[in-house]
């Protein structure tokens, strides 16, 4: 492969390589933001879950066990 062939190869593949790198960075950044929002949502559900479990235990204490 001569220098001219090598130069032609990189000139033809360069835009695709740059597009790939940009797309990879974009997807990684988007996924990081999405995971952050998901974690916030899971934290909120976790707080509500603790409240609901506490309420269910309070209700359960008011009923006698039949078994």
PDB file of N, CA and C in Angstrom:
ATOM      1  N   UNK A   1       0.851  -1.168   0.000  1.00  0.00           N
ATOM      2  CA  UNK A   1       0.000   0.000   0.000  1.00  0.00           C
ATOM      3  C   UNK A   1       0.902   1.237   0.000  1.00  0.00           C
ATOM      4  N   UNK A   2       0.678   2.109  -0.916  1.00  0.00           N
ATOM      5  CA  UNK A   2       1.497   3.313  -1.022  1.00  0.00           C
ATOM      6  C   UNK A   2       0.930   4.404  -0.129  1.00  0.00           C
ATOM      7  N   UNK A   3       1.707   5.450  -0.009  1.00  0.00           N
ATOM      8  CA  UNK A   3       1.249   6.579   0.807  1.00  0.00           C
ATOM      9  C   UNK A   3      -0.013   7.199   0.239  1.00  0.00           C
ATOM     10  N   UNK A   4      -0.120   7.224  -1.074  1.00  0.00           N
ATOM     11  CA  UNK A   4      -1.308   7.791  -1.717  1.00  0.00           C
ATOM     12  C   UNK A   4      -2.535   6.950  -1.404  1.00  0.00           C
ATOM     13  N   UNK A   5      -2.378   5.639  -1.460  1.00  0.00           N
ATOM     14  CA  UNK A   5      -3.497   4.753  -1.136  1.00  0.00           C
ATOM     15  C   UNK A   5      -3.912   4.911   0.328  1.00  0.00           C
ATOM     16  N   UNK A   6      -2.913   5.009   1.185  1.00  0.00           N
ATOM     17  CA  UNK A   6      -3.186   5.191   2.612  1.00  0.00           C
ATOM     18  C   UNK A   6      -3.889   6.522   2.856  1.00  0.00           C
ATOM     19  N   UNK A   7      -3.452   7.572   2.208  1.00  0.00           N
ATOM     20  CA  UNK A   7      -4.076   8.880   2.340  1.00  0.00           C
ATOM     21  C   UNK A   7      -5.518   8.845   1.843  1.00  0.00           C
ATOM     22  N   UNK A   8      -5.741   8.171   0.714  1.00  0.00           N
ATOM     23  CA  UNK A   8      -7.101   8.051   0.172  1.00  0.00           C
ATOM     24  C   UNK A   8      -8.007   7.294   1.146  1.00  0.00           C
ATOM     25  N   UNK A   9      -7.458   6.243   1.739  1.00  0.00           N
ATOM     26  CA  UNK A   9      -8.247   5.440   2.689  1.00  0.00           C
ATOM     27  C   UNK A   9      -8.702   6.298   3.867  1.00  0.00           C
ATOM     28  N   UNK A  10      -7.797   7.032   4.477  1.00  0.00           N
ATOM     29  CA  UNK A  10      -8.163   7.845   5.637  1.00  0.00           C
ATOM     30  C   UNK A  10      -9.066   9.010   5.260  1.00  0.00           C
ATOM     31  N   UNK A  11      -8.906   9.538   4.068  1.00  0.00           N
ATOM     32  CA  UNK A  11      -9.797  10.610   3.643  1.00  0.00           C
ATOM     33  C   UNK A  11     -11.220  10.094   3.423  1.00  0.00           C
ATOM     34  N   UNK A  12     -11.351   8.862   2.951  1.00  0.00           N
ATOM     35  CA  UNK A  12     -12.695   8.319   2.729  1.00  0.00           C
ATOM     36  C   UNK A  12     -13.312   7.826   4.023  1.00  0.00           C
ATOM     37  N   UNK A  13     -12.503   7.325   4.938  1.00  0.00           N
ATOM     38  CA  UNK A  13     -13.042   6.794   6.191  1.00  0.00           C
ATOM     39  C   UNK A  13     -13.093   7.852   7.303  1.00  0.00           C
ATOM     40  N   UNK A  14     -12.411   8.933   7.148  1.00  0.00           N
ATOM     41  CA  UNK A  14     -12.343   9.956   8.185  1.00  0.00           C
ATOM     42  C   UNK A  14     -13.691  10.494   8.626  1.00  0.00           C
ATOM     43  N   UNK A  15     -14.548  10.911   7.684  1.00  0.00           N
ATOM     44  CA  UNK A  15     -15.857  11.429   8.112  1.00  0.00           C
ATOM     45  C   UNK A  15     -16.693  10.390   8.851  1.00  0.00           C
ATOM     46  N   UNK A  16     -16.599   9.135   8.426  1.00  0.00           N
ATOM     47  CA  UNK A  16     -17.360   8.086   9.106  1.00  0.00           C
ATOM     48  C   UNK A  16     -16.798   7.809  10.497  1.00  0.00           C
ATOM     49  N   UNK A  17     -15.485   7.852  10.619  1.00  0.00           N
ATOM     50  CA  UNK A  17     -14.869   7.649  11.926  1.00  0.00           C
ATOM     51  C   UNK A  17     -15.247   8.791  12.869  1.00  0.00           C
ATOM     52  N   UNK A  18     -15.214  10.013  12.372  1.00  0.00           N
ATOM     53  CA  UNK A  18     -15.591  11.162  13.206  1.00  0.00           C
ATOM     54  C   UNK A  18     -17.063  11.080  13.599  1.00  0.00           C
ATOM     55  N   UNK A  19     -17.913  10.685  12.661  1.00  0.00           N
ATOM     56  CA  UNK A  19     -19.336  10.529  12.965  1.00  0.00           C
ATOM     57  C   UNK A  19     -19.547   9.446  14.005  1.00  0.00           C
ATOM     58  N   UNK A  20     -18.827   8.338  13.895  1.00  0.00           N
ATOM     59  CA  UNK A  20     -18.947   7.254  14.862  1.00  0.00           C
ATOM     60  C   UNK A  20     -18.545   7.726  16.259  1.00  0.00           C
ATOM     61  N   UNK A  21     -17.433   8.420  16.362  1.00  0.00           N
ATOM     62  CA  UNK A  21     -16.969   8.904  17.665  1.00  0.00           C
ATOM     63  C   UNK A  21     -17.975   9.882  18.248  1.00  0.00           C
ATOM     64  N   UNK A  22     -18.481  10.804  17.431  1.00  0.00           N
ATOM     65  CA  UNK A  22     -19.485  11.756  17.919  1.00  0.00           C
ATOM     66  C   UNK A  22     -20.736  11.024  18.386  1.00  0.00           C
ATOM     67  N   UNK A  23     -21.192  10.050  17.618  1.00  0.00           N
ATOM     68  CA  UNK A  23     -22.389   9.294  17.975  1.00  0.00           C
ATOM     69  C   UNK A  23     -22.167   8.504  19.261  1.00  0.00           C
ATOM     70  N   UNK A  24     -21.007   7.912  19.409  1.00  0.00           N
ATOM     71  CA  UNK A  24     -20.690   7.164  20.625  1.00  0.00           C
ATOM     72  C   UNK A  24     -20.726   8.074  21.849  1.00  0.00           C
ATOM     73  N   UNK A  25     -20.106   9.232  21.754  1.00  0.00           N
ATOM     74  CA  UNK A  25     -20.097  10.178  22.878  1.00  0.00           C
ATOM     75  C   UNK A  25     -21.510  10.661  23.173  1.00  0.00           C
ATOM     76  N   UNK A  26     -22.285  10.950  22.129  1.00  0.00           N
ATOM     77  CA  UNK A  26     -23.661  11.412  22.308  1.00  0.00           C
ATOM     78  C   UNK A  26     -24.510  10.354  23.020  1.00  0.00           C
ATOM     79  N   UNK A  27     -24.389   9.107  22.590  1.00  0.00           N
ATOM     80  CA  UNK A  27     -25.183   8.033  23.196  1.00  0.00           C
ATOM     81  C   UNK A  27     -24.769   7.812  24.639  1.00  0.00           C
ATOM     82  N   UNK A  28     -23.486   7.853  24.916  1.00  0.00           N
ATOM     83  CA  UNK A  28     -23.028   7.660  26.290  1.00  0.00           C
ATOM     84  C   UNK A  28     -23.523   8.785  27.196  1.00  0.00           C
ATOM     85  N   UNK A  29     -23.491  10.017  26.726  1.00  0.00           N
ATOM     86  CA  UNK A  29     -23.964  11.150  27.516  1.00  0.00           C
ATOM     87  C   UNK A  29     -25.472  11.051  27.756  1.00  0.00           C
ATOM     88  N   UNK A  30     -26.218  10.681  26.712  1.00  0.00           N
ATOM     89  CA  UNK A  30     -27.666  10.542  26.829  1.00  0.00           C
ATOM     90  C   UNK A  30     -28.027   9.432  27.817  1.00  0.00           C
ATOM     91  N   UNK A  31     -27.314   8.311  27.743  1.00  0.00           N
ATOM     92  CA  UNK A  31     -27.577   7.212  28.670  1.00  0.00           C
ATOM     93  C   UNK A  31     -27.270   7.610  30.106  1.00  0.00           C
ATOM     94  N   UNK A  32     -26.225   8.382  30.304  1.00  0.00           N
ATOM     95  CA  UNK A  32     -25.873   8.825  31.660  1.00  0.00           C
ATOM     96  C   UNK A  32     -26.974   9.710  32.228  1.00  0.00           C
ATOM     97  N   UNK A  33     -27.493  10.616  31.418  1.00  0.00           N
ATOM     98  CA  UNK A  33     -28.583  11.485  31.869  1.00  0.00           C
ATOM     99  C   UNK A  33     -29.837  10.668  32.168  1.00  0.00           C
ATOM    100  N   UNK A  34     -30.139   9.704  31.309  1.00  0.00           N
ATOM    101  CA  UNK A  34     -31.325   8.863  31.504  1.00  0.00           C
ATOM    102  C   UNK A  34     -31.188   8.030  32.778  1.00  0.00           C
ATOM    103  N   UNK A  35     -30.004   7.489  33.023  1.00  0.00           N
ATOM    104  CA  UNK A  35     -29.786   6.700  34.227  1.00  0.00           C
ATOM    105  C   UNK A  35     -29.913   7.571  35.482  1.00  0.00           C
ATOM    106  N   UNK A  36     -29.482   8.823  35.398  1.00  0.00           N
ATOM    107  CA  UNK A  36     -29.633   9.736  36.536  1.00  0.00           C
ATOM    108  C   UNK A  36     -31.095  10.002  36.837  1.00  0.00           C
ATOM    109  N   UNK A  37     -31.901  10.226  35.792  1.00  0.00           N
ATOM    110  CA  UNK A  37     -33.340  10.441  36.000  1.00  0.00           C
ATOM    111  C   UNK A  37     -34.002   9.184  36.537  1.00  0.00           C
ATOM    112  N   UNK A  38     -33.588   8.030  36.051  1.00  0.00           N
ATOM    113  CA  UNK A  38     -34.154   6.774  36.518  1.00  0.00           C
ATOM    114  C   UNK A  38     -33.811   6.551  37.982  1.00  0.00           C
ATOM    115  N   UNK A  39     -32.600   6.873  38.376  1.00  0.00           N
ATOM    116  CA  UNK A  39     -32.194   6.701  39.769  1.00  0.00           C
ATOM    117  C   UNK A  39     -33.014   7.617  40.679  1.00  0.00           C
ATOM    118  N   UNK A  40     -33.265   8.844  40.249  1.00  0.00           N
ATOM    119  CA  UNK A  40     -34.105   9.753  41.030  1.00  0.00           C
ATOM    120  C   UNK A  40     -35.508   9.189  41.191  1.00  0.00           C
ATOM    121  N   UNK A  41     -36.051   8.648  40.126  1.00  0.00           N
ATOM    122  CA  UNK A  41     -37.388   8.060  40.169  1.00  0.00           C
ATOM    123  C   UNK A  41     -37.422   6.858  41.108  1.00  0.00           C
ATOM    124  N   UNK A  42     -36.408   6.007  41.044  1.00  0.00           N
ATOM    125  CA  UNK A  42     -36.349   4.850  41.930  1.00  0.00           C
ATOM    126  C   UNK A  42     -36.218   5.265  43.387  1.00  0.00           C
ATOM    127  N   UNK A  43     -35.484   6.326  43.650  1.00  0.00           N
ATOM    128  CA  UNK A  43     -35.380   6.835  45.022  1.00  0.00           C
ATOM    129  C   UNK A  43     -36.729   7.307  45.549  1.00  0.00           C
ATOM    130  N   UNK A  44     -37.494   7.976  44.699  1.00  0.00           N
ATOM    131  CA  UNK A  44     -38.824   8.434  45.103  1.00  0.00           C
ATOM    132  C   UNK A  44     -39.743   7.255  45.382  1.00  0.00           C
ATOM    133  N   UNK A  45     -39.703   6.234  44.514  1.00  0.00           N
ATOM    134  CA  UNK A  45     -40.513   5.038  44.740  1.00  0.00           C
ATOM    135  C   UNK A  45     -40.090   4.334  46.020  1.00  0.00           C
ATOM    136  N   UNK A  46     -38.809   4.317  46.296  1.00  0.00           N
ATOM    137  CA  UNK A  46     -38.311   3.672  47.509  1.00  0.00           C
ATOM    138  C   UNK A  46     -38.849   4.371  48.747  1.00  0.00           C
ATOM    139  N   UNK A  47     -38.873   5.695  48.727  1.00  0.00           N
ATOM    140  CA  UNK A  47     -39.428   6.431  49.863  1.00  0.00           C
ATOM    141  C   UNK A  47     -40.898   6.108  50.058  1.00  0.00           C
ATOM    142  N   UNK A  48     -41.658   6.068  48.987  1.00  0.00           N
ATOM    143  CA  UNK A  48     -43.089   5.751  49.072  1.00  0.00           C
ATOM    144  C   UNK A  48     -43.300   4.315  49.519  1.00  0.00           C
ATOM    145  N   UNK A  49     -42.433   3.408  49.081  1.00  0.00           N
ATOM    146  CA  UNK A  49     -42.533   2.005  49.467  1.00  0.00           C
ATOM    147  C   UNK A  49     -42.396   1.863  50.978  1.00  0.00           C
ATOM    148  N   UNK A  50     -41.436   2.565  51.561  1.00  0.00           N
ATOM    149  CA  UNK A  50     -41.246   2.503  53.014  1.00  0.00           C
ATOM    150  C   UNK A  50     -42.487   2.999  53.747  1.00  0.00           C
ATOM    151  N   UNK A  51     -43.113   4.053  53.243  1.00  0.00           N
ATOM    152  CA  UNK A  51     -44.329   4.588  53.865  1.00  0.00           C
ATOM    153  C   UNK A  51     -45.455   3.557  53.778  1.00  0.00           C
ATOM    154  N   UNK A  52     -45.620   2.945  52.621  1.00  0.00           N
ATOM    155  CA  UNK A  52     -46.693   1.964  52.427  1.00  0.00           C
ATOM    156  C   UNK A  52     -46.477   0.742  53.319  1.00  0.00           C
ATOM    157  N   UNK A  53     -45.267   0.251  53.410  1.00  0.00           N
ATOM    158  CA  UNK A  53     -44.983  -0.903  54.266  1.00  0.00           C
ATOM    159  C   UNK A  53     -45.281  -0.563  55.718  1.00  0.00           C
ATOM    160  N   UNK A  54     -44.920   0.630  56.149  1.00  0.00           N
ATOM    161  CA  UNK A  54     -45.236   1.054  57.516  1.00  0.00           C
ATOM    162  C   UNK A  54     -46.732   1.090  57.762  1.00  0.00           C
ATOM    163  N   UNK A  55     -47.479   1.611  56.810  1.00  0.00           N
ATOM    164  CA  UNK A  55     -48.938   1.659  56.944  1.00  0.00           C
ATOM    165  C   UNK A  55     -49.526   0.254  56.988  1.00  0.00           C
ATOM    166  N   UNK A  56     -49.043  -0.638  56.148  1.00  0.00           N
ATOM    167  CA  UNK A  56     -49.541  -2.014  56.154  1.00  0.00           C
ATOM    168  C   UNK A  56     -49.244  -2.714  57.471  1.00  0.00           C
ATOM    169  N   UNK A  57     -48.103  -2.462  58.059  1.00  0.00           N
ATOM    170  CA  UNK A  57     -47.777  -3.063  59.361  1.00  0.00           C
ATOM    171  C   UNK A  57     -48.696  -2.519  60.450  1.00  0.00           C
ATOM    172  N   UNK A  58     -49.003  -1.225  60.373  1.00  0.00           N
ATOM    173  CA  UNK A  58     -49.945  -0.644  61.343  1.00  0.00           C
ATOM    174  C   UNK A  58     -51.326  -1.275  61.208  1.00  0.00           C
ATOM    175  N   UNK A  59     -51.778  -1.479  59.995  1.00  0.00           N
ATOM    176  CA  UNK A  59     -53.089  -2.099  59.764  1.00  0.00           C
ATOM    177  C   UNK A  59     -53.073  -3.541  60.247  1.00  0.00           C
ATOM    178  N   UNK A  60     -51.996  -4.239  59.981  1.00  0.00           N
ATOM    179  CA  UNK A  60     -51.884  -5.643  60.378  1.00  0.00           C
ATOM    180  C   UNK A  60     -51.936  -5.789  61.899  1.00  0.00           C
ATOM    181  N   UNK A  61     -51.405  -4.842  62.619  1.00  0.00           N
ATOM    182  CA  UNK A  61     -51.407  -4.905  64.089  1.00  0.00           C
ATOM    183  C   UNK A  61     -52.821  -4.801  64.659  1.00  0.00           C
ATOM    184  N   UNK A  62     -53.733  -4.219  63.931  1.00  0.00           N
ATOM    185  CA  UNK A  62     -55.108  -4.035  64.412  1.00  0.00           C
ATOM    186  C   UNK A  62     -55.961  -5.288  64.254  1.00  0.00           C
ATOM    187  N   UNK A  63     -55.497  -6.268  63.485  1.00  0.00           N
ATOM    188  CA  UNK A  63     -56.261  -7.482  63.257  1.00  0.00           C
ATOM    189  C   UNK A  63     -55.618  -8.636  64.023  1.00  0.00           C
ATOM    190  N   UNK A  64     -56.450  -9.425  64.730  1.00  0.00           N
ATOM    191  CA  UNK A  64     -55.871 -10.582  65.451  1.00  0.00           C
ATOM    192  C   UNK A  64     -55.510 -11.703  64.464  1.00  0.00           C
ATOM    193  N   UNK A  65     -54.574 -12.477  64.873  1.00  0.00           N
ATOM    194  CA  UNK A  65     -54.185 -13.609  64.031  1.00  0.00           C
ATOM    195  C   UNK A  65     -55.112 -14.772  64.306  1.00  0.00           C
ATOM    196  N   UNK A  66     -55.621 -15.375  63.238  1.00  0.00           N
ATOM    197  CA  UNK A  66     -56.566 -16.477  63.370  1.00  0.00           C
ATOM    198  C   UNK A  66     -55.911 -17.836  63.266  1.00  0.00           C
ATOM    199  N   UNK A  67     -54.657 -17.904  63.022  1.00  0.00           N
ATOM    200  CA  UNK A  67     -54.012 -19.211  62.843  1.00  0.00           C
ATOM    201  C   UNK A  67     -53.095 -19.537  63.991  1.00  0.00           C
TER     202      UNK A  67
END
